[in-house]
């Protein structure tokens, strides 16, 4: 009887031992699978971070840094309201686009922000902005400017003098378009296609200042040259 009891106890002990060993093996497998999953997640995060870093590097490399260089000052003769007047203008050069132009000295030092060159004349209230739009053609550039003006509350007019017209190629050798929006203040733009980019000139002035602004813009257009 005792031997039989001892045998039963031995069998129970063996079963328990086998069960514990099985649990340990199962736990080890779960642990290994968890560690493997964690390693895969860490690897994926590392690859994503690496790709994002590379993407940022590409953007930085592809960004064109526009610079404006101020040149010499000279005097030009401009006819304003039937009278010839001597006007001091400054020569400017935009890199890396190779664009030269002249603008009146009274505008002072321009402000350059995000490929835009902003000029403001405090005395006359004139505002002129030269903007480089990269990788676009003339038609797209004009469409973008029109949408911008409309978002500001300006409406396109087809009256004589306000309609969209082509600029004169003889002025500077460039193909371009210009348009005037009649309101207070008066606004308009001139757009030129330059290689694979577009040069857009936005201008603003009071109605009373139109007699001086027209010849000023005329001289600005004539002074633009691309090297």
C-alpha atoms as a PDB file:
ATOM      1  CA  UNK A   1       0.000   0.000   0.000  1.00  0.00           C
ATOM      2  CA  UNK A   2       2.798   2.371   0.892  1.00  0.00           C
ATOM      3  CA  UNK A   3       4.676   1.507  -2.276  1.00  0.00           C
ATOM      4  CA  UNK A   4       1.539   2.178  -4.316  1.00  0.00           C
ATOM      5  CA  UNK A   5       1.063   5.551  -2.600  1.00  0.00           C
ATOM      6  CA  UNK A   6       4.678   6.481  -3.217  1.00  0.00           C
ATOM      7  CA  UNK A   7       4.279   5.568  -6.865  1.00  0.00           C
ATOM      8  CA  UNK A   8       1.246   7.786  -7.231  1.00  0.00           C
ATOM      9  CA  UNK A   9       3.123  10.682  -5.599  1.00  0.00           C
ATOM     10  CA  UNK A  10       6.062  10.185  -7.967  1.00  0.00           C
ATOM     11  CA  UNK A  11       3.780  10.266 -11.007  1.00  0.00           C
ATOM     12  CA  UNK A  12       2.114  13.474  -9.781  1.00  0.00           C
ATOM     13  CA  UNK A  13       5.516  15.076  -9.226  1.00  0.00           C
ATOM     14  CA  UNK A  14       6.598  14.147 -12.730  1.00  0.00           C
ATOM     15  CA  UNK A  15       3.433  15.657 -14.225  1.00  0.00           C
ATOM     16  CA  UNK A  16       3.916  18.898 -12.278  1.00  0.00           C
ATOM     17  CA  UNK A  17       7.560  19.102 -13.342  1.00  0.00           C
ATOM     18  CA  UNK A  18       6.639  18.602 -16.987  1.00  0.00           C
ATOM     19  CA  UNK A  19       3.927  21.248 -16.695  1.00  0.00           C
ATOM     20  CA  UNK A  20       6.351  23.783 -15.181  1.00  0.00           C
ATOM     21  CA  UNK A  21       8.902  23.081 -17.880  1.00  0.00           C
ATOM     22  CA  UNK A  22       6.251  23.578 -20.554  1.00  0.00           C
ATOM     23  CA  UNK A  23       5.222  26.903 -19.016  1.00  0.00           C
ATOM     24  CA  UNK A  24       8.830  28.057 -18.920  1.00  0.00           C
ATOM     25  CA  UNK A  25       9.303  27.101 -22.572  1.00  0.00           C
ATOM     26  CA  UNK A  26       6.085  28.901 -23.558  1.00  0.00           C
ATOM     27  CA  UNK A  27       7.091  31.981 -21.574  1.00  0.00           C
ATOM     28  CA  UNK A  28      10.506  31.979 -23.204  1.00  0.00           C
ATOM     29  CA  UNK A  29       8.881  31.765 -26.644  1.00  0.00           C
ATOM     30  CA  UNK A  30       6.545  34.673 -25.811  1.00  0.00           C
ATOM     31  CA  UNK A  31       9.502  36.671 -24.503  1.00  0.00           C
ATOM     32  CA  UNK A  32      11.509  35.937 -27.661  1.00  0.00           C
ATOM     33  CA  UNK A  33       8.584  36.937 -29.883  1.00  0.00           C
ATOM     34  CA  UNK A  34       8.073  40.151 -27.887  1.00  0.00           C
ATOM     35  CA  UNK A  35      11.770  41.043 -28.115  1.00  0.00           C
ATOM     36  CA  UNK A  36      11.749  40.316 -31.850  1.00  0.00           C
ATOM     37  CA  UNK A  37       8.669  42.523 -32.326  1.00  0.00           C
ATOM     38  CA  UNK A  38      10.268  45.347 -30.329  1.00  0.00           C
ATOM     39  CA  UNK A  39      13.395  45.101 -32.457  1.00  0.00           C
ATOM     40  CA  UNK A  40      11.283  45.322 -35.639  1.00  0.00           C
ATOM     41  CA  UNK A  41       9.439  48.389 -34.301  1.00  0.00           C
ATOM     42  CA  UNK A  42      12.698  50.092 -33.332  1.00  0.00           C
ATOM     43  CA  UNK A  43      14.144  49.310 -36.763  1.00  0.00           C
ATOM     44  CA  UNK A  44      11.073  50.768 -38.474  1.00  0.00           C
ATOM     45  CA  UNK A  45      11.246  53.947 -36.360  1.00  0.00           C
ATOM     46  CA  UNK A  46      14.929  54.304 -37.162  1.00  0.00           C
ATOM     47  CA  UNK A  47      14.287  53.910 -40.891  1.00  0.00           C
ATOM     48  CA  UNK A  48      11.451  56.478 -40.794  1.00  0.00           C
ATOM     49  CA  UNK A  49      13.613  58.974 -38.923  1.00  0.00           C
ATOM     50  CA  UNK A  50      16.398  58.393 -41.434  1.00  0.00           C
ATOM     51  CA  UNK A  51      14.056  58.930 -44.394  1.00  0.00           C
ATOM     52  CA  UNK A  52      12.615  62.093 -42.847  1.00  0.00           C
ATOM     53  CA  UNK A  53      16.095  63.396 -42.228  1.00  0.00           C
ATOM     54  CA  UNK A  54      17.089  62.685 -45.817  1.00  0.00           C
ATOM     55  CA  UNK A  55      13.908  64.355 -47.054  1.00  0.00           C
ATOM     56  CA  UNK A  56      14.704  67.518 -45.090  1.00  0.00           C
ATOM     57  CA  UNK A  57      18.217  67.497 -46.472  1.00  0.00           C
ATOM     58  CA  UNK A  58      16.870  67.345 -50.021  1.00  0.00           C
ATOM     59  CA  UNK A  59      14.519  70.283 -49.415  1.00  0.00           C
ATOM     60  CA  UNK A  60      17.316  72.380 -48.004  1.00  0.00           C
ATOM     61  CA  UNK A  61      19.582  71.556 -50.941  1.00  0.00           C
ATOM     62  CA  UNK A  62      16.861  72.377 -53.501  1.00  0.00           C
ATOM     63  CA  UNK A  63      15.925  75.718 -51.949  1.00  0.00           C
ATOM     64  CA  UNK A  64      17.231  78.645 -53.972  1.00  0.00           C
ATOM     65  CA  UNK A  65      18.569  81.461 -51.850  1.00  0.00           C
ATOM     66  CA  UNK A  66      17.831  84.737 -53.609  1.00  0.00           C
ATOM     67  CA  UNK A  67      20.156  87.648 -52.978  1.00  0.00           C
ATOM     68  CA  UNK A  68      19.899  91.251 -54.119  1.00  0.00           C
ATOM     69  CA  UNK A  69      23.056  93.250 -54.735  1.00  0.00           C
ATOM     70  CA  UNK A  70      23.000  97.056 -54.703  1.00  0.00           C
ATOM     71  CA  UNK A  71      25.118  98.697 -57.370  1.00  0.00           C
ATOM     72  CA  UNK A  72      25.919 102.234 -58.437  1.00  0.00           C
ATOM     73  CA  UNK A  73      23.624 105.253 -58.424  1.00  0.00           C
ATOM     74  CA  UNK A  74      23.051 107.237 -61.595  1.00  0.00           C
ATOM     75  CA  UNK A  75      20.837 110.022 -62.892  1.00  0.00           C
ATOM     76  CA  UNK A  76      18.224 109.537 -65.617  1.00  0.00           C
ATOM     77  CA  UNK A  77      15.914 111.971 -67.358  1.00  0.00           C
ATOM     78  CA  UNK A  78      12.231 111.174 -66.915  1.00  0.00           C
ATOM     79  CA  UNK A  79       9.303 113.007 -68.414  1.00  0.00           C
ATOM     80  CA  UNK A  80       6.656 113.597 -65.768  1.00  0.00           C
ATOM     81  CA  UNK A  81       3.512 115.515 -66.716  1.00  0.00           C
ATOM     82  CA  UNK A  82       5.219 116.975 -69.756  1.00  0.00           C
ATOM     83  CA  UNK A  83       8.329 118.094 -67.890  1.00  0.00           C
ATOM     84  CA  UNK A  84      11.772 116.468 -68.034  1.00  0.00           C
ATOM     85  CA  UNK A  85      13.116 115.791 -64.570  1.00  0.00           C
ATOM     86  CA  UNK A  86      16.388 114.390 -63.295  1.00  0.00           C
ATOM     87  CA  UNK A  87      15.771 111.270 -61.217  1.00  0.00           C
ATOM     88  CA  UNK A  88      18.378 109.379 -59.216  1.00  0.00           C
ATOM     89  CA  UNK A  89      18.093 105.615 -59.650  1.00  0.00           C
ATOM     90  CA  UNK A  90      19.980 102.688 -58.123  1.00  0.00           C
ATOM     91  CA  UNK A  91      21.191  99.655 -60.070  1.00  0.00           C
ATOM     92  CA  UNK A  92      20.262  96.288 -58.604  1.00  0.00           C
ATOM     93  CA  UNK A  93      21.221  92.715 -59.462  1.00  0.00           C
ATOM     94  CA  UNK A  94      19.334  89.578 -58.353  1.00  0.00           C
ATOM     95  CA  UNK A  95      21.297  86.356 -57.949  1.00  0.00           C
ATOM     96  CA  UNK A  96      21.258  83.538 -58.895  1.00  0.00           C
ATOM     97  CA  UNK A  97      18.707  84.565 -61.548  1.00  0.00           C
ATOM     98  CA  UNK A  98      20.938  87.102 -63.274  1.00  0.00           C
ATOM     99  CA  UNK A  99      18.312  89.879 -63.317  1.00  0.00           C
ATOM    100  CA  UNK A 100      19.374  93.531 -63.506  1.00  0.00           C
ATOM    101  CA  UNK A 101      17.042  96.507 -62.997  1.00  0.00           C
ATOM    102  CA  UNK A 102      16.916 100.120 -61.822  1.00  0.00           C
ATOM    103  CA  UNK A 103      14.605 101.780 -59.328  1.00  0.00           C
ATOM    104  CA  UNK A 104      14.325 105.259 -57.855  1.00  0.00           C
ATOM    105  CA  UNK A 105      16.612 106.127 -54.964  1.00  0.00           C
ATOM    106  CA  UNK A 106      13.669 107.537 -52.954  1.00  0.00           C
ATOM    107  CA  UNK A 107      12.487 103.980 -52.221  1.00  0.00           C
ATOM    108  CA  UNK A 108      15.451 103.472 -49.927  1.00  0.00           C
ATOM    109  CA  UNK A 109      16.701 100.079 -48.796  1.00  0.00           C
ATOM    110  CA  UNK A 110      14.454  97.214 -49.945  1.00  0.00           C
ATOM    111  CA  UNK A 111      13.150  94.493 -47.645  1.00  0.00           C
ATOM    112  CA  UNK A 112      13.792  90.946 -48.866  1.00  0.00           C
ATOM    113  CA  UNK A 113      11.485  88.162 -47.615  1.00  0.00           C
ATOM    114  CA  UNK A 114      10.975  84.710 -49.192  1.00  0.00           C
ATOM    115  CA  UNK A 115      12.051  85.545 -52.749  1.00  0.00           C
ATOM    116  CA  UNK A 116      10.226  88.881 -52.590  1.00  0.00           C
ATOM    117  CA  UNK A 117      11.901  92.289 -52.790  1.00  0.00           C
ATOM    118  CA  UNK A 118       9.701  94.976 -51.256  1.00  0.00           C
ATOM    119  CA  UNK A 119      10.077  98.710 -51.926  1.00  0.00           C
ATOM    120  CA  UNK A 120       8.047 101.416 -50.198  1.00  0.00           C
ATOM    121  CA  UNK A 121       8.171 105.170 -50.708  1.00  0.00           C
ATOM    122  CA  UNK A 122       6.923 106.854 -47.552  1.00  0.00           C
ATOM    123  CA  UNK A 123       6.455 110.246 -49.218  1.00  0.00           C
ATOM    124  CA  UNK A 124       4.396 109.113 -52.216  1.00  0.00           C
ATOM    125  CA  UNK A 125       2.812 105.957 -50.814  1.00  0.00           C
ATOM    126  CA  UNK A 126       4.134 103.902 -53.717  1.00  0.00           C
ATOM    127  CA  UNK A 127       4.724 100.205 -53.147  1.00  0.00           C
ATOM    128  CA  UNK A 128       6.568  97.904 -55.541  1.00  0.00           C
ATOM    129  CA  UNK A 129       7.335  94.231 -54.996  1.00  0.00           C
ATOM    130  CA  UNK A 130       9.516  92.079 -57.225  1.00  0.00           C
ATOM    131  CA  UNK A 131       8.889  88.369 -56.776  1.00  0.00           C
ATOM    132  CA  UNK A 132      10.587  85.329 -58.278  1.00  0.00           C
ATOM    133  CA  UNK A 133       8.237  82.370 -58.780  1.00  0.00           C
ATOM    134  CA  UNK A 134      10.315  79.298 -59.511  1.00  0.00           C
ATOM    135  CA  UNK A 135       9.497  76.489 -61.935  1.00  0.00           C
ATOM    136  CA  UNK A 136       6.440  78.072 -63.530  1.00  0.00           C
ATOM    137  CA  UNK A 137       5.463  79.618 -66.843  1.00  0.00           C
ATOM    138  CA  UNK A 138       3.945  82.992 -67.642  1.00  0.00           C
ATOM    139  CA  UNK A 139       0.351  81.765 -67.843  1.00  0.00           C
ATOM    140  CA  UNK A 140       0.454  80.074 -64.428  1.00  0.00           C
ATOM    141  CA  UNK A 141       2.152  83.084 -62.860  1.00  0.00           C
ATOM    142  CA  UNK A 142      -0.529  85.441 -64.212  1.00  0.00           C
ATOM    143  CA  UNK A 143      -3.313  83.129 -63.031  1.00  0.00           C
ATOM    144  CA  UNK A 144      -1.820  83.011 -59.527  1.00  0.00           C
ATOM    145  CA  UNK A 145      -1.568  86.795 -59.302  1.00  0.00           C
ATOM    146  CA  UNK A 146      -5.140  87.262 -60.527  1.00  0.00           C
ATOM    147  CA  UNK A 147      -6.419  84.835 -57.895  1.00  0.00           C
ATOM    148  CA  UNK A 148      -4.446  86.683 -55.232  1.00  0.00           C
ATOM    149  CA  UNK A 149      -5.912  90.042 -56.242  1.00  0.00           C
ATOM    150  CA  UNK A 150      -9.435  88.628 -56.299  1.00  0.00           C
ATOM    151  CA  UNK A 151      -8.950  87.193 -52.797  1.00  0.00           C
ATOM    152  CA  UNK A 152      -8.099  90.736 -51.682  1.00  0.00           C
ATOM    153  CA  UNK A 153     -11.417  92.028 -53.026  1.00  0.00           C
ATOM    154  CA  UNK A 154     -10.232  93.382 -56.391  1.00  0.00           C
ATOM    155  CA  UNK A 155     -12.279  92.602 -59.484  1.00  0.00           C
ATOM    156  CA  UNK A 156     -10.887  92.151 -62.965  1.00  0.00           C
ATOM    157  CA  UNK A 157     -11.962  94.873 -65.378  1.00  0.00           C
ATOM    158  CA  UNK A 158     -12.082  94.657 -69.171  1.00  0.00           C
ATOM    159  CA  UNK A 159     -12.333  98.398 -69.710  1.00  0.00           C
ATOM    160  CA  UNK A 160      -9.716 100.050 -71.879  1.00  0.00           C
ATOM    161  CA  UNK A 161      -6.541 100.564 -69.878  1.00  0.00           C
ATOM    162  CA  UNK A 162      -7.413  97.922 -67.291  1.00  0.00           C
ATOM    163  CA  UNK A 163      -7.542  94.753 -69.387  1.00  0.00           C
ATOM    164  CA  UNK A 164      -4.815  92.100 -69.469  1.00  0.00           C
ATOM    165  CA  UNK A 165      -2.323  93.015 -72.203  1.00  0.00           C
ATOM    166  CA  UNK A 166       1.074  91.902 -73.467  1.00  0.00           C
ATOM    167  CA  UNK A 167       4.107  94.008 -72.621  1.00  0.00           C
ATOM    168  CA  UNK A 168       6.274  95.332 -75.433  1.00  0.00           C
ATOM    169  CA  UNK A 169       9.131  92.917 -76.133  1.00  0.00           C
ATOM    170  CA  UNK A 170      11.146  95.835 -77.530  1.00  0.00           C
ATOM    171  CA  UNK A 171      11.384  97.318 -74.024  1.00  0.00           C
ATOM    172  CA  UNK A 172      13.669  94.655 -72.585  1.00  0.00           C
ATOM    173  CA  UNK A 173      13.558  91.590 -74.826  1.00  0.00           C
ATOM    174  CA  UNK A 174      11.257  89.692 -72.460  1.00  0.00           C
ATOM    175  CA  UNK A 175       7.810  88.222 -73.068  1.00  0.00           C
ATOM    176  CA  UNK A 176       5.366  89.408 -70.438  1.00  0.00           C
ATOM    177  CA  UNK A 177       1.864  90.516 -69.492  1.00  0.00           C
ATOM    178  CA  UNK A 178       0.512  93.385 -67.435  1.00  0.00           C
ATOM    179  CA  UNK A 179      -2.827  94.308 -65.895  1.00  0.00           C
ATOM    180  CA  UNK A 180      -4.243  97.165 -63.863  1.00  0.00           C
ATOM    181  CA  UNK A 181      -6.944  96.910 -61.218  1.00  0.00           C
ATOM    182  CA  UNK A 182      -8.875 100.114 -60.586  1.00  0.00           C
ATOM    183  CA  UNK A 183      -9.704 100.734 -56.956  1.00  0.00           C
ATOM    184  CA  UNK A 184      -8.415 102.642 -53.948  1.00  0.00           C
ATOM    185  CA  UNK A 185      -5.510 102.254 -53.881  1.00  0.00           C
ATOM    186  CA  UNK A 186      -4.746 101.395 -57.499  1.00  0.00           C
ATOM    187  CA  UNK A 187      -3.007  98.055 -57.927  1.00  0.00           C
ATOM    188  CA  UNK A 188      -1.569  96.091 -60.786  1.00  0.00           C
ATOM    189  CA  UNK A 189       1.174  93.735 -61.876  1.00  0.00           C
ATOM    190  CA  UNK A 190       3.709  93.012 -64.590  1.00  0.00           C
ATOM    191  CA  UNK A 191       4.802  89.414 -65.171  1.00  0.00           C
ATOM    192  CA  UNK A 192       7.710  88.146 -67.261  1.00  0.00           C
ATOM    193  CA  UNK A 193       8.769  84.623 -68.122  1.00  0.00           C
ATOM    194  CA  UNK A 194      12.496  84.190 -67.450  1.00  0.00           C
ATOM    195  CA  UNK A 195      13.891  80.780 -68.389  1.00  0.00           C
ATOM    196  CA  UNK A 196      11.973  78.260 -66.242  1.00  0.00           C
ATOM    197  CA  UNK A 197      10.876  80.894 -63.718  1.00  0.00           C
ATOM    198  CA  UNK A 198       8.653  83.979 -63.644  1.00  0.00           C
ATOM    199  CA  UNK A 199       9.381  87.509 -62.455  1.00  0.00           C
ATOM    200  CA  UNK A 200       6.242  89.194 -61.096  1.00  0.00           C
ATOM    201  CA  UNK A 201       6.191  92.898 -60.249  1.00  0.00           C
ATOM    202  CA  UNK A 202       3.280  94.045 -58.091  1.00  0.00           C
ATOM    203  CA  UNK A 203       2.676  97.770 -57.683  1.00  0.00           C
ATOM    204  CA  UNK A 204       0.340  99.974 -55.680  1.00  0.00           C
ATOM    205  CA  UNK A 205      -0.294 103.719 -55.679  1.00  0.00           C
ATOM    206  CA  UNK A 206      -2.960 106.322 -55.040  1.00  0.00           C
ATOM    207  CA  UNK A 207      -5.101 107.539 -57.934  1.00  0.00           C
ATOM    208  CA  UNK A 208      -3.573 110.995 -57.558  1.00  0.00           C
ATOM    209  CA  UNK A 209      -0.070 109.560 -57.954  1.00  0.00           C
ATOM    210  CA  UNK A 210      -0.721 107.924 -61.307  1.00  0.00           C
ATOM    211  CA  UNK A 211       0.904 110.681 -63.374  1.00  0.00           C
ATOM    212  CA  UNK A 212       4.259 109.971 -61.697  1.00  0.00           C
ATOM    213  CA  UNK A 213       3.833 106.214 -61.337  1.00  0.00           C
ATOM    214  CA  UNK A 214       3.257 105.499 -65.038  1.00  0.00           C
ATOM    215  CA  UNK A 215       6.636 106.839 -66.229  1.00  0.00           C
ATOM    216  CA  UNK A 216       8.346 105.276 -63.197  1.00  0.00           C
ATOM    217  CA  UNK A 217       7.014 101.839 -64.111  1.00  0.00           C
ATOM    218  CA  UNK A 218       7.942 102.456 -67.734  1.00  0.00           C
ATOM    219  CA  UNK A 219      11.569 103.110 -66.786  1.00  0.00           C
ATOM    220  CA  UNK A 220      11.553 100.069 -64.491  1.00  0.00           C
ATOM    221  CA  UNK A 221      10.382  97.797 -67.313  1.00  0.00           C
ATOM    222  CA  UNK A 222      13.000  99.162 -69.720  1.00  0.00           C
ATOM    223  CA  UNK A 223      15.770  98.686 -67.164  1.00  0.00           C
ATOM    224  CA  UNK A 224      15.134  94.946 -66.665  1.00  0.00           C
ATOM    225  CA  UNK A 225      17.730  92.748 -68.336  1.00  0.00           C
ATOM    226  CA  UNK A 226      18.673  89.121 -67.865  1.00  0.00           C
ATOM    227  CA  UNK A 227      22.275  88.002 -68.123  1.00  0.00           C
END
